[in-house]
Amino acid sequence: MVAALNQRSQPLRLVVSGEAGAWQFALSQIVGPQWVETLPVRHEVELLEVVRSGQADAAVIDDEVDWGLDILQVLRMIRRLNQRIPVVVVTSRNDRRLLEAALRLAAFSVVTKPLELEELLRQLQRLMARLDQMLRGGL
């Protein structure tokens, strides 16, 4: 599954914020630093700089972080910089409007809080499978 990712000779660079950031050590221990490198961000300037510079392969953004913006606005800004980066949105909201808007903005998925390790690992596995398929020319 991750053969194409491994051919890049670098780990998946995953931006993490909020609750996802709390799982950095666990991800390093379970998945391994050879497969995932976490890039913690604390505000929108850091997030946008990491995306703009091409340092990120995927992102997990949390609406609990004080972005100074609505989570959908943050996702919209990411999309202006990078249309293809997979973004998992972590939110305490579960209303239909948020889900529809996030899907229109091409969110990879929307996960409700609390973000448990198992759910983060499932999302990471799905991200890696999608990226592997893209790198192999499947998408």
Protein backbone atom coordinates (compact mmCIF):
# COMPACT_ATOMS: atom_id res chain seq x y z
CA MET A 1 0.00 0.00 0.00
CA VAL A 2 2.72 2.50 0.82
CA ALA A 3 5.24 1.33 -1.76
CA ALA A 4 4.91 4.46 -3.89
CA LEU A 5 5.17 6.65 -0.79
CA ASN A 6 8.32 4.81 0.23
CA GLN A 7 9.86 5.39 -3.23
CA ARG A 8 9.91 9.09 -2.37
CA SER A 9 12.50 8.25 0.30
CA GLN A 10 10.83 10.52 2.81
CA PRO A 11 7.93 10.04 5.22
CA LEU A 12 4.43 11.40 4.78
CA ARG A 13 4.56 14.96 6.11
CA LEU A 14 1.37 15.40 8.11
CA VAL A 15 0.32 18.78 9.46
CA VAL A 16 -1.42 18.35 12.82
CA SER A 17 -3.31 20.82 14.96
CA GLY A 18 -5.44 20.70 18.08
CA GLU A 19 -6.34 17.19 19.24
CA ALA A 20 -4.33 15.58 16.43
CA GLY A 21 -1.22 17.27 17.78
CA ALA A 22 -1.68 15.44 21.07
CA TRP A 23 -1.15 12.12 19.24
CA GLN A 24 2.26 12.98 17.75
CA PHE A 25 4.26 10.69 20.01
CA ALA A 26 1.81 7.81 19.54
CA LEU A 27 1.95 8.18 15.75
CA SER A 28 5.72 8.15 15.86
CA GLN A 29 5.72 4.99 17.98
CA ILE A 30 2.92 3.09 16.19
CA VAL A 31 3.36 4.12 12.56
CA GLY A 32 7.02 5.00 12.77
CA PRO A 33 9.07 8.05 11.85
CA GLN A 34 10.11 6.42 8.58
CA TRP A 35 6.46 6.60 7.44
CA VAL A 36 5.02 9.72 9.12
CA GLU A 37 6.56 13.03 10.10
CA THR A 38 4.20 15.29 12.02
CA LEU A 39 4.35 19.03 11.53
CA PRO A 40 2.50 20.73 14.40
CA VAL A 41 0.92 24.13 13.76
CA ARG A 42 -0.69 26.45 16.30
CA HIS A 43 -2.23 29.17 14.14
CA GLU A 44 -3.27 29.91 10.58
CA VAL A 45 -0.04 31.72 9.64
CA GLU A 46 2.03 28.61 10.44
CA LEU A 47 -0.48 26.36 8.68
CA LEU A 48 -0.59 28.45 5.52
CA GLU A 49 3.20 28.80 5.40
CA VAL A 50 3.67 25.02 5.64
CA VAL A 51 1.09 24.44 2.89
CA ARG A 52 2.43 27.28 0.69
CA SER A 53 6.00 26.03 0.95
CA GLY A 54 5.03 22.51 -0.11
CA GLN A 55 6.25 20.98 3.14
CA ALA A 56 2.92 19.23 3.81
CA ASP A 57 1.56 16.12 2.12
CA ALA A 58 -1.66 16.08 4.18
CA ALA A 59 -3.25 17.94 7.08
CA VAL A 60 -5.50 17.35 10.07
CA ILE A 61 -7.05 20.66 11.11
CA ASP A 62 -9.06 21.12 14.28
CA ASP A 63 -11.77 23.73 14.78
CA GLU A 64 -10.75 24.01 18.43
CA VAL A 65 -7.56 25.84 17.46
CA ASP A 66 -7.87 29.60 17.66
CA TRP A 67 -7.43 30.17 13.93
CA GLY A 68 -9.08 33.55 14.12
CA LEU A 69 -11.30 32.18 11.37
CA ASP A 70 -14.07 29.64 10.95
CA ILE A 71 -12.74 26.16 10.13
CA LEU A 72 -14.34 26.37 6.67
CA GLN A 73 -12.52 29.63 6.01
CA VAL A 74 -9.27 27.91 6.98
CA LEU A 75 -10.06 25.06 4.58
CA ARG A 76 -10.91 27.59 1.86
CA MET A 77 -7.52 29.28 2.35
CA ILE A 78 -5.75 25.93 2.12
CA ARG A 79 -7.59 25.20 -1.13
CA ARG A 80 -6.44 28.51 -2.61
CA LEU A 81 -2.85 27.44 -1.98
CA ASN A 82 -3.15 23.74 -2.78
CA GLN A 83 -6.14 22.07 -4.44
CA ARG A 84 -4.93 18.49 -3.95
CA ILE A 85 -3.64 18.23 -0.39
CA PRO A 86 -5.87 15.86 1.61
CA VAL A 87 -7.34 17.67 4.63
CA VAL A 88 -9.13 15.97 7.50
CA VAL A 89 -11.36 18.38 9.43
CA VAL A 90 -11.84 17.65 13.14
CA THR A 91 -14.85 19.40 14.60
CA SER A 92 -17.28 19.33 17.49
CA ARG A 93 -20.05 20.34 15.08
CA ASN A 94 -22.01 17.73 13.18
CA ASP A 95 -24.57 19.81 11.36
CA ARG A 96 -25.37 19.04 7.74
CA ARG A 97 -24.34 22.49 6.48
CA LEU A 98 -20.81 22.10 7.79
CA LEU A 99 -20.49 18.64 6.25
CA GLU A 100 -21.81 19.81 2.87
CA ALA A 101 -19.57 22.87 2.84
CA ALA A 102 -16.51 20.83 3.81
CA LEU A 103 -17.22 18.35 1.02
CA ARG A 104 -17.67 21.17 -1.49
CA LEU A 105 -14.24 22.39 -0.42
CA ALA A 106 -12.88 18.88 -1.07
CA ALA A 107 -12.17 17.93 2.53
CA PHE A 108 -10.78 14.41 2.66
CA SER A 109 -13.07 13.69 5.60
CA VAL A 110 -14.81 15.30 8.56
CA VAL A 111 -14.31 13.68 11.96
CA THR A 112 -16.27 14.58 15.07
CA LYS A 113 -14.63 15.13 18.43
CA PRO A 114 -13.18 13.74 20.50
CA LEU A 115 -10.45 12.57 18.11
CA GLU A 116 -9.43 9.16 19.37
CA LEU A 117 -6.14 7.55 18.35
CA GLU A 118 -7.90 4.73 16.51
CA GLU A 119 -9.86 7.19 14.38
CA LEU A 120 -6.74 9.18 13.60
CA LEU A 121 -4.96 5.98 12.56
CA ARG A 122 -7.90 5.02 10.30
CA GLN A 123 -7.80 8.43 8.65
CA LEU A 124 -4.03 8.19 8.25
CA GLN A 125 -4.33 4.75 6.64
CA ARG A 126 -6.95 6.09 4.21
CA LEU A 127 -4.77 9.12 3.44
CA MET A 128 -1.76 6.95 2.74
CA ALA A 129 -3.77 4.63 0.51
CA ARG A 130 -5.14 7.59 -1.46
CA LEU A 131 -1.70 9.19 -1.82
CA ASP A 132 -0.21 5.86 -2.84
CA GLN A 133 -2.86 5.53 -5.54
CA MET A 134 -2.21 9.11 -6.73
CA LEU A 135 1.55 8.56 -6.86
CA ARG A 136 1.04 5.42 -8.90
CA GLY A 137 -1.00 7.43 -11.39
CA GLY A 138 -4.39 6.05 -10.37
CA LEU A 139 -6.11 9.39 -9.80
